[in-house]
Every structure is written in C-alpha cells, then in structure tokens.
Amino acid sequence: MSDRLTGEPVWQAGFCEGGACIEAASLGEEVIMRSTSDPGTIFRMSREEWVNFLAAAQGGRFDDL
C-alpha cells in the first residue's frame, strides 16, 4: 500500500531478528521488498510473482537456504 497523499510506499515489516528486517510494500502494480540493513536496495516484482513467491515460501521451498 502506498500513502494516498505522498504516493510513498507504506512498508510492512515481517519477523525481525538481530536488527535486520525484511519489509514489503505495495507500489502501483508491483510489490517491493527491502532489508532494513540496506533500505536503498529495493527488489521489485509483479503481484503474480509475489503470490508465487509466497506460495513457494509457505510450501517450504526455501527451508534449506
């Protein structure tokens, strides 16, 4: 979601441990992600890619990383 007045993304943080958090926000037709340890680097993906990523994560696809 982005702020209606400024158009800036409204970041939502997931679980944080050790001071570095992963944040995600909606920006137009994209979902963007960043790490609080490097907030200037932003990863962008389509909503379809986001849905696929979440399904893979929930299904354990990345558990061995």
Protein backbone atom coordinates (compact mmCIF):
# COMPACT_ATOMS: atom_id res chain seq x y z
CA MET A 1 0.00 0.00 0.00
CA SER A 2 1.22 3.50 -0.67
CA ASP A 3 0.36 6.67 1.18
CA ARG A 4 -2.51 8.36 -0.66
CA LEU A 5 -1.14 11.85 -0.11
CA THR A 6 2.54 11.34 -0.89
CA GLY A 7 2.50 8.21 -3.05
CA GLU A 8 5.33 6.83 -0.90
CA PRO A 9 5.23 3.12 -0.08
CA VAL A 10 3.93 2.09 3.34
CA TRP A 11 6.44 -0.54 4.44
CA GLN A 12 5.30 -3.55 6.46
CA ALA A 13 7.97 -5.45 8.38
CA GLY A 14 7.96 -9.19 8.84
CA PHE A 15 9.60 -11.03 11.72
CA CYS A 16 12.84 -9.34 12.73
CA GLU A 17 15.80 -10.92 14.46
CA GLY A 18 19.17 -9.37 15.14
CA GLY A 19 18.21 -5.91 13.92
CA ALA A 20 17.77 -6.68 10.21
CA CYS A 21 14.20 -6.94 8.97
CA ILE A 22 12.62 -7.68 5.64
CA GLU A 23 9.96 -5.17 4.65
CA ALA A 24 7.41 -5.26 1.84
CA ALA A 25 5.11 -2.65 0.35
CA SER A 26 2.65 -2.31 -2.48
CA LEU A 27 3.53 0.28 -5.11
CA GLY A 28 1.13 0.53 -8.02
CA GLU A 29 1.05 -2.82 -9.80
CA GLU A 30 4.21 -4.04 -8.07
CA VAL A 31 5.21 -5.41 -4.71
CA ILE A 32 8.56 -4.15 -3.46
CA MET A 33 10.85 -5.60 -0.80
CA ARG A 34 13.91 -4.34 1.04
CA SER A 35 16.10 -5.10 4.04
CA THR A 36 16.28 -2.57 6.85
CA SER A 37 20.05 -3.09 6.84
CA ASP A 38 20.18 -1.79 3.23
CA PRO A 39 16.97 0.20 2.64
CA GLY A 40 18.27 1.78 -0.57
CA THR A 41 18.31 -1.56 -2.40
CA ILE A 42 14.77 -2.45 -3.44
CA PHE A 43 13.64 -5.67 -5.09
CA ARG A 44 10.58 -5.28 -7.35
CA MET A 45 8.17 -7.94 -8.56
CA SER A 46 4.75 -8.20 -10.13
CA ARG A 47 1.79 -9.22 -7.99
CA GLU A 48 1.78 -12.61 -9.74
CA GLU A 49 5.45 -13.11 -8.86
CA TRP A 50 4.68 -12.08 -5.25
CA VAL A 51 1.86 -14.63 -4.98
CA ASN A 52 4.12 -17.34 -6.43
CA PHE A 53 6.94 -16.39 -4.05
CA LEU A 54 4.66 -16.55 -1.00
CA ALA A 55 3.24 -19.92 -2.06
CA ALA A 56 6.75 -21.31 -2.52
CA ALA A 57 7.88 -19.97 0.87
CA GLN A 58 4.80 -21.32 2.64
CA GLY A 59 5.33 -24.67 0.92
CA GLY A 60 8.86 -24.97 2.30
CA ARG A 61 10.68 -24.32 -0.99
CA PHE A 62 13.34 -22.17 0.71
CA ASP A 63 13.67 -24.02 4.02
CA ASP A 64 17.14 -25.33 3.18
CA LEU A 65 18.63 -21.88 2.49
